[in-house]
Structures are given as C-alpha cells and as structure tokens.
Amino acid sequence: MILGFALSCAVGLSAYQEEGWGPPYGILSMVAEVVFIGAFFTWYGAGKVHTPAASVTRPTPPVHVR
C-alpha cells in the first residue's frame, strides 16, 4: 500500500484517479501505516529474544569414601 500510494503521488499510475485523499489525509494515512508496520515488527521481534546457551559440563561421578 505504501508503494502504491507513493507511486500514485509521485509519477502517477495509468487509469488511476484519487479522490478525497488530498493533504493531510494521504500523509496521515501513510504515517499510520508506517507506525502499524513498525509496531508489528517490534512485537514480532520481541518474542525472539536470544539468550546465551548454557555451558555444557559432564556430570562428575560420585566419590565413595571408605
């Protein structure tokens, strides 16, 4: 959607006519969409926190005292 909006405002698209999306609505719509996409990727990336792997050690055999 962002690319389509930018193209329609910059170079235009054939047989596409935009009505009722003049300033400030077009820019506000674009800002809202960017904020939504940013929030989505922030939320999506928050679940993928990488923790360092725990060090692996071999268990020591029990010591028998006589």
PDB file of N, CA and C in Angstrom:
ATOM      1  N   MET A   1       0.818  -1.192   0.000  1.00  0.00           N
ATOM      2  CA  MET A   1       0.000   0.000   0.000  1.00  0.00           C
ATOM      3  C   MET A   1       0.865   1.260   0.000  1.00  0.00           C
ATOM      4  N   ILE A   2       1.929   1.227   0.779  1.00  0.00           N
ATOM      5  CA  ILE A   2       2.792   2.402   0.842  1.00  0.00           C
ATOM      6  C   ILE A   2       3.406   2.675  -0.534  1.00  0.00           C
ATOM      7  N   LEU A   3       3.868   1.613  -1.185  1.00  0.00           N
ATOM      8  CA  LEU A   3       4.471   1.769  -2.512  1.00  0.00           C
ATOM      9  C   LEU A   3       3.438   2.289  -3.518  1.00  0.00           C
ATOM     10  N   GLY A   4       2.235   1.757  -3.478  1.00  0.00           N
ATOM     11  CA  GLY A   4       1.184   2.221  -4.384  1.00  0.00           C
ATOM     12  C   GLY A   4       0.824   3.680  -4.152  1.00  0.00           C
ATOM     13  N   PHE A   5       0.752   4.072  -2.895  1.00  0.00           N
ATOM     14  CA  PHE A   5       0.442   5.470  -2.581  1.00  0.00           C
ATOM     15  C   PHE A   5       1.565   6.385  -3.052  1.00  0.00           C
ATOM     16  N   ALA A   6       2.796   5.980  -2.803  1.00  0.00           N
ATOM     17  CA  ALA A   6       3.939   6.800  -3.215  1.00  0.00           C
ATOM     18  C   ALA A   6       3.990   6.929  -4.737  1.00  0.00           C
ATOM     19  N   LEU A   7       3.744   5.834  -5.446  1.00  0.00           N
ATOM     20  CA  LEU A   7       3.744   5.888  -6.911  1.00  0.00           C
ATOM     21  C   LEU A   7       2.617   6.764  -7.442  1.00  0.00           C
ATOM     22  N   SER A   8       1.439   6.659  -6.841  1.00  0.00           N
ATOM     23  CA  SER A   8       0.317   7.459  -7.332  1.00  0.00           C
ATOM     24  C   SER A   8       0.554   8.945  -7.104  1.00  0.00           C
ATOM     25  N   CYS A   9       1.271   9.288  -6.046  1.00  0.00           N
ATOM     26  CA  CYS A   9       1.547  10.702  -5.777  1.00  0.00           C
ATOM     27  C   CYS A   9       2.753  11.205  -6.557  1.00  0.00           C
ATOM     28  N   ALA A  10       3.729  10.338  -6.787  1.00  0.00           N
ATOM     29  CA  ALA A  10       4.980  10.772  -7.419  1.00  0.00           C
ATOM     30  C   ALA A  10       4.867  10.789  -8.946  1.00  0.00           C
ATOM     31  N   VAL A  11       4.747   9.628  -9.554  1.00  0.00           N
ATOM     32  CA  VAL A  11       4.754   9.541 -11.014  1.00  0.00           C
ATOM     33  C   VAL A  11       3.382   9.261 -11.595  1.00  0.00           C
ATOM     34  N   GLY A  12       2.465   8.846 -10.774  1.00  0.00           N
ATOM     35  CA  GLY A  12       1.115   8.542 -11.243  1.00  0.00           C
ATOM     36  C   GLY A  12       1.005   7.124 -11.787  1.00  0.00           C
ATOM     37  N   LEU A  13      -0.182   6.589 -11.731  1.00  0.00           N
ATOM     38  CA  LEU A  13      -0.462   5.251 -12.241  1.00  0.00           C
ATOM     39  C   LEU A  13      -1.510   5.392 -13.338  1.00  0.00           C
ATOM     40  N   SER A  14      -1.370   4.625 -14.418  1.00  0.00           N
ATOM     41  CA  SER A  14      -2.310   4.755 -15.527  1.00  0.00           C
ATOM     42  C   SER A  14      -3.716   4.350 -15.095  1.00  0.00           C
ATOM     43  N   ALA A  15      -4.697   5.097 -15.513  1.00  0.00           N
ATOM     44  CA  ALA A  15      -6.121   4.861 -15.251  1.00  0.00           C
ATOM     45  C   ALA A  15      -6.448   4.845 -13.757  1.00  0.00           C
ATOM     46  N   TYR A  16      -5.656   5.526 -12.954  1.00  0.00           N
ATOM     47  CA  TYR A  16      -5.925   5.608 -11.510  1.00  0.00           C
ATOM     48  C   TYR A  16      -6.179   7.058 -11.164  1.00  0.00           C
ATOM     49  N   GLN A  17      -7.313   7.288 -10.537  1.00  0.00           N
ATOM     50  CA  GLN A  17      -7.637   8.647 -10.134  1.00  0.00           C
ATOM     51  C   GLN A  17      -8.023   8.621  -8.668  1.00  0.00           C
ATOM     52  N   GLU A  18      -7.392   9.456  -7.929  1.00  0.00           N
ATOM     53  CA  GLU A  18      -7.574   9.505  -6.489  1.00  0.00           C
ATOM     54  C   GLU A  18      -8.497  10.676  -6.151  1.00  0.00           C
ATOM     55  N   GLU A  19      -9.525  10.414  -5.370  1.00  0.00           N
ATOM     56  CA  GLU A  19     -10.433  11.481  -4.973  1.00  0.00           C
ATOM     57  C   GLU A  19     -10.590  11.478  -3.464  1.00  0.00           C
ATOM     58  N   GLY A  20     -10.473  12.628  -2.868  1.00  0.00           N
ATOM     59  CA  GLY A  20     -10.696  12.754  -1.440  1.00  0.00           C
ATOM     60  C   GLY A  20      -9.515  12.349  -0.565  1.00  0.00           C
ATOM     61  N   TRP A  21      -8.351  12.201  -1.143  1.00  0.00           N
ATOM     62  CA  TRP A  21      -7.181  11.825  -0.350  1.00  0.00           C
ATOM     63  C   TRP A  21      -6.091  12.885  -0.435  1.00  0.00           C
ATOM     64  N   GLY A  22      -6.502  14.098  -0.588  1.00  0.00           N
ATOM     65  CA  GLY A  22      -5.534  15.187  -0.651  1.00  0.00           C
ATOM     66  C   GLY A  22      -4.917  15.436   0.717  1.00  0.00           C
ATOM     67  N   PRO A  23      -4.035  16.401   0.768  1.00  0.00           N
ATOM     68  CA  PRO A  23      -3.405  16.719   2.057  1.00  0.00           C
ATOM     69  C   PRO A  23      -4.476  17.085   3.056  1.00  0.00           C
ATOM     70  N   PRO A  24      -4.458  16.718   4.243  1.00  0.00           N
ATOM     71  CA  PRO A  24      -3.472  15.973   5.026  1.00  0.00           C
ATOM     72  C   PRO A  24      -3.777  14.480   5.128  1.00  0.00           C
ATOM     73  N   TYR A  25      -4.856  14.008   4.507  1.00  0.00           N
ATOM     74  CA  TYR A  25      -5.278  12.620   4.721  1.00  0.00           C
ATOM     75  C   TYR A  25      -4.309  11.597   4.148  1.00  0.00           C
ATOM     76  N   GLY A  26      -3.735  11.863   3.017  1.00  0.00           N
ATOM     77  CA  GLY A  26      -2.790  10.921   2.421  1.00  0.00           C
ATOM     78  C   GLY A  26      -1.559  10.731   3.289  1.00  0.00           C
ATOM     79  N   ILE A  27      -1.012  11.817   3.754  1.00  0.00           N
ATOM     80  CA  ILE A  27       0.182  11.744   4.610  1.00  0.00           C
ATOM     81  C   ILE A  27      -0.159  11.101   5.948  1.00  0.00           C
ATOM     82  N   LEU A  28      -1.286  11.447   6.526  1.00  0.00           N
ATOM     83  CA  LEU A  28      -1.685  10.844   7.806  1.00  0.00           C
ATOM     84  C   LEU A  28      -1.900   9.340   7.660  1.00  0.00           C
ATOM     85  N   SER A  29      -2.481   8.938   6.539  1.00  0.00           N
ATOM     86  CA  SER A  29      -2.680   7.512   6.287  1.00  0.00           C
ATOM     87  C   SER A  29      -1.349   6.790   6.189  1.00  0.00           C
ATOM     88  N   MET A  30      -0.405   7.402   5.497  1.00  0.00           N
ATOM     89  CA  MET A  30       0.910   6.797   5.337  1.00  0.00           C
ATOM     90  C   MET A  30       1.645   6.703   6.679  1.00  0.00           C
ATOM     91  N   VAL A  31       1.560   7.746   7.489  1.00  0.00           N
ATOM     92  CA  VAL A  31       2.193   7.734   8.809  1.00  0.00           C
ATOM     93  C   VAL A  31       1.572   6.644   9.677  1.00  0.00           C
ATOM     94  N   ALA A  32       0.248   6.525   9.645  1.00  0.00           N
ATOM     95  CA  ALA A  32      -0.423   5.497  10.443  1.00  0.00           C
ATOM     96  C   ALA A  32       0.007   4.098  10.007  1.00  0.00           C
ATOM     97  N   GLU A  33       0.161   3.901   8.715  1.00  0.00           N
ATOM     98  CA  GLU A  33       0.569   2.586   8.228  1.00  0.00           C
ATOM     99  C   GLU A  33       2.006   2.266   8.619  1.00  0.00           C
ATOM    100  N   VAL A  34       2.891   3.240   8.541  1.00  0.00           N
ATOM    101  CA  VAL A  34       4.288   3.021   8.943  1.00  0.00           C
ATOM    102  C   VAL A  34       4.374   2.714  10.431  1.00  0.00           C
ATOM    103  N   VAL A  35       3.589   3.420  11.239  1.00  0.00           N
ATOM    104  CA  VAL A  35       3.571   3.149  12.684  1.00  0.00           C
ATOM    105  C   VAL A  35       3.053   1.739  12.955  1.00  0.00           C
ATOM    106  N   PHE A  36       2.013   1.329  12.240  1.00  0.00           N
ATOM    107  CA  PHE A  36       1.469  -0.018  12.422  1.00  0.00           C
ATOM    108  C   PHE A  36       2.498  -1.076  12.050  1.00  0.00           C
ATOM    109  N   ILE A  37       3.166  -0.902  10.909  1.00  0.00           N
ATOM    110  CA  ILE A  37       4.167  -1.884  10.480  1.00  0.00           C
ATOM    111  C   ILE A  37       5.328  -1.920  11.463  1.00  0.00           C
ATOM    112  N   GLY A  38       5.759  -0.761  11.941  1.00  0.00           N
ATOM    113  CA  GLY A  38       6.826  -0.711  12.943  1.00  0.00           C
ATOM    114  C   GLY A  38       6.427  -1.406  14.232  1.00  0.00           C
ATOM    115  N   ALA A  39       5.191  -1.182  14.675  1.00  0.00           N
ATOM    116  CA  ALA A  39       4.709  -1.837  15.898  1.00  0.00           C
ATOM    117  C   ALA A  39       4.632  -3.347  15.715  1.00  0.00           C
ATOM    118  N   PHE A  40       4.209  -3.783  14.529  1.00  0.00           N
ATOM    119  CA  PHE A  40       4.125  -5.218  14.271  1.00  0.00           C
ATOM    120  C   PHE A  40       5.502  -5.861  14.347  1.00  0.00           C
ATOM    121  N   PHE A  41       6.497  -5.271  13.670  1.00  0.00           N
ATOM    122  CA  PHE A  41       7.825  -5.862  13.684  1.00  0.00           C
ATOM    123  C   PHE A  41       8.478  -5.781  15.058  1.00  0.00           C
ATOM    124  N   THR A  42       8.155  -4.750  15.831  1.00  0.00           N
ATOM    125  CA  THR A  42       8.648  -4.672  17.207  1.00  0.00           C
ATOM    126  C   THR A  42       8.052  -5.792  18.040  1.00  0.00           C
ATOM    127  N   TRP A  43       6.746  -6.014  17.903  1.00  0.00           N
ATOM    128  CA  TRP A  43       6.072  -7.083  18.640  1.00  0.00           C
ATOM    129  C   TRP A  43       6.575  -8.448  18.183  1.00  0.00           C
ATOM    130  N   TYR A  44       6.712  -8.622  16.881  1.00  0.00           N
ATOM    131  CA  TYR A  44       7.147  -9.908  16.329  1.00  0.00           C
ATOM    132  C   TYR A  44       8.585 -10.225  16.734  1.00  0.00           C
ATOM    133  N   GLY A  45       9.432  -9.228  16.763  1.00  0.00           N
ATOM    134  CA  GLY A  45      10.826  -9.437  17.147  1.00  0.00           C
ATOM    135  C   GLY A  45      11.013  -9.603  18.640  1.00  0.00           C
ATOM    136  N   ALA A  46      10.054  -9.132  19.444  1.00  0.00           N
ATOM    137  CA  ALA A  46      10.192  -9.218  20.898  1.00  0.00           C
ATOM    138  C   ALA A  46      10.125 -10.663  21.372  1.00  0.00           C
ATOM    139  N   GLY A  47       9.452 -11.534  20.660  1.00  0.00           N
ATOM    140  CA  GLY A  47       9.345 -12.933  21.059  1.00  0.00           C
ATOM    141  C   GLY A  47      10.570 -13.745  20.710  1.00  0.00           C
ATOM    142  N   LYS A  48      11.490 -13.151  19.984  1.00  0.00           N
ATOM    143  CA  LYS A  48      12.668 -13.876  19.538  1.00  0.00           C
ATOM    144  C   LYS A  48      13.928 -13.391  20.243  1.00  0.00           C
ATOM    145  N   VAL A  49      13.837 -13.187  21.543  1.00  0.00           N
ATOM    146  CA  VAL A  49      14.998 -12.752  22.306  1.00  0.00           C
ATOM    147  C   VAL A  49      15.942 -13.938  22.437  1.00  0.00           C
ATOM    148  N   HIS A  50      17.174 -13.722  22.056  1.00  0.00           N
ATOM    149  CA  HIS A  50      18.148 -14.801  22.104  1.00  0.00           C
ATOM    150  C   HIS A  50      18.900 -14.759  23.436  1.00  0.00           C
ATOM    151  N   THR A  51      18.885 -15.880  24.115  1.00  0.00           N
ATOM    152  CA  THR A  51      19.642 -15.985  25.349  1.00  0.00           C
ATOM    153  C   THR A  51      20.878 -16.831  25.077  1.00  0.00           C
ATOM    154  N   PRO A  52      21.960 -16.533  25.754  1.00  0.00           N
ATOM    155  CA  PRO A  52      23.167 -17.326  25.514  1.00  0.00           C
ATOM    156  C   PRO A  52      22.957 -18.768  25.973  1.00  0.00           C
ATOM    157  N   ALA A  53      23.572 -19.664  25.262  1.00  0.00           N
ATOM    158  CA  ALA A  53      23.443 -21.075  25.604  1.00  0.00           C
ATOM    159  C   ALA A  53      24.157 -21.356  26.924  1.00  0.00           C
ATOM    160  N   ALA A  54      23.573 -22.223  27.715  1.00  0.00           N
ATOM    161  CA  ALA A  54      24.201 -22.611  28.979  1.00  0.00           C
ATOM    162  C   ALA A  54      25.398 -23.487  28.667  1.00  0.00           C
ATOM    163  N   SER A  55      26.420 -23.354  29.479  1.00  0.00           N
ATOM    164  CA  SER A  55      27.602 -24.174  29.234  1.00  0.00           C
ATOM    165  C   SER A  55      27.281 -25.629  29.597  1.00  0.00           C
ATOM    166  N   VAL A  56      27.779 -26.521  28.788  1.00  0.00           N
ATOM    167  CA  VAL A  56      27.515 -27.939  28.971  1.00  0.00           C
ATOM    168  C   VAL A  56      28.713 -28.559  29.677  1.00  0.00           C
ATOM    169  N   THR A  57      28.434 -29.218  30.773  1.00  0.00           N
ATOM    170  CA  THR A  57      29.503 -29.905  31.514  1.00  0.00           C
ATOM    171  C   THR A  57      29.096 -31.351  31.736  1.00  0.00           C
ATOM    172  N   ARG A  58      30.076 -32.188  31.857  1.00  0.00           N
ATOM    173  CA  ARG A  58      29.774 -33.587  32.161  1.00  0.00           C
ATOM    174  C   ARG A  58      29.596 -33.730  33.665  1.00  0.00           C
ATOM    175  N   PRO A  59      28.661 -34.539  34.053  1.00  0.00           N
ATOM    176  CA  PRO A  59      28.482 -34.753  35.489  1.00  0.00           C
ATOM    177  C   PRO A  59      29.681 -35.515  36.057  1.00  0.00           C
ATOM    178  N   THR A  60      30.086 -35.131  37.222  1.00  0.00           N
ATOM    179  CA  THR A  60      31.200 -35.820  37.868  1.00  0.00           C
ATOM    180  C   THR A  60      30.678 -37.070  38.575  1.00  0.00           C
ATOM    181  N   PRO A  61      31.398 -38.167  38.461  1.00  0.00           N
ATOM    182  CA  PRO A  61      30.938 -39.375  39.136  1.00  0.00           C
ATOM    183  C   PRO A  61      31.029 -39.208  40.652  1.00  0.00           C
ATOM    184  N   PRO A  62      30.133 -39.848  41.367  1.00  0.00           N
ATOM    185  CA  PRO A  62      30.174 -39.715  42.837  1.00  0.00           C
ATOM    186  C   PRO A  62      31.462 -40.316  43.399  1.00  0.00           C
ATOM    187  N   VAL A  63      31.981 -39.674  44.431  1.00  0.00           N
ATOM    188  CA  VAL A  63      33.216 -40.129  45.088  1.00  0.00           C
ATOM    189  C   VAL A  63      32.800 -40.942  46.302  1.00  0.00           C
ATOM    190  N   HIS A  64      33.287 -42.182  46.371  1.00  0.00           N
ATOM    191  CA  HIS A  64      32.970 -43.040  47.516  1.00  0.00           C
ATOM    192  C   HIS A  64      34.119 -42.981  48.515  1.00  0.00           C
ATOM    193  N   VAL A  65      33.819 -42.617  49.712  1.00  0.00           N
ATOM    194  CA  VAL A  65      34.829 -42.561  50.762  1.00  0.00           C
ATOM    195  C   VAL A  65      34.692 -43.818  51.592  1.00  0.00           C
ATOM    196  N   ARG A  66      35.872 -44.513  51.826  1.00  0.00           N
ATOM    197  CA  ARG A  66      35.825 -45.736  52.625  1.00  0.00           C
ATOM    198  C   ARG A  66      36.368 -45.553  53.990  1.00  0.00           C
TER     199      ARG A  66
END
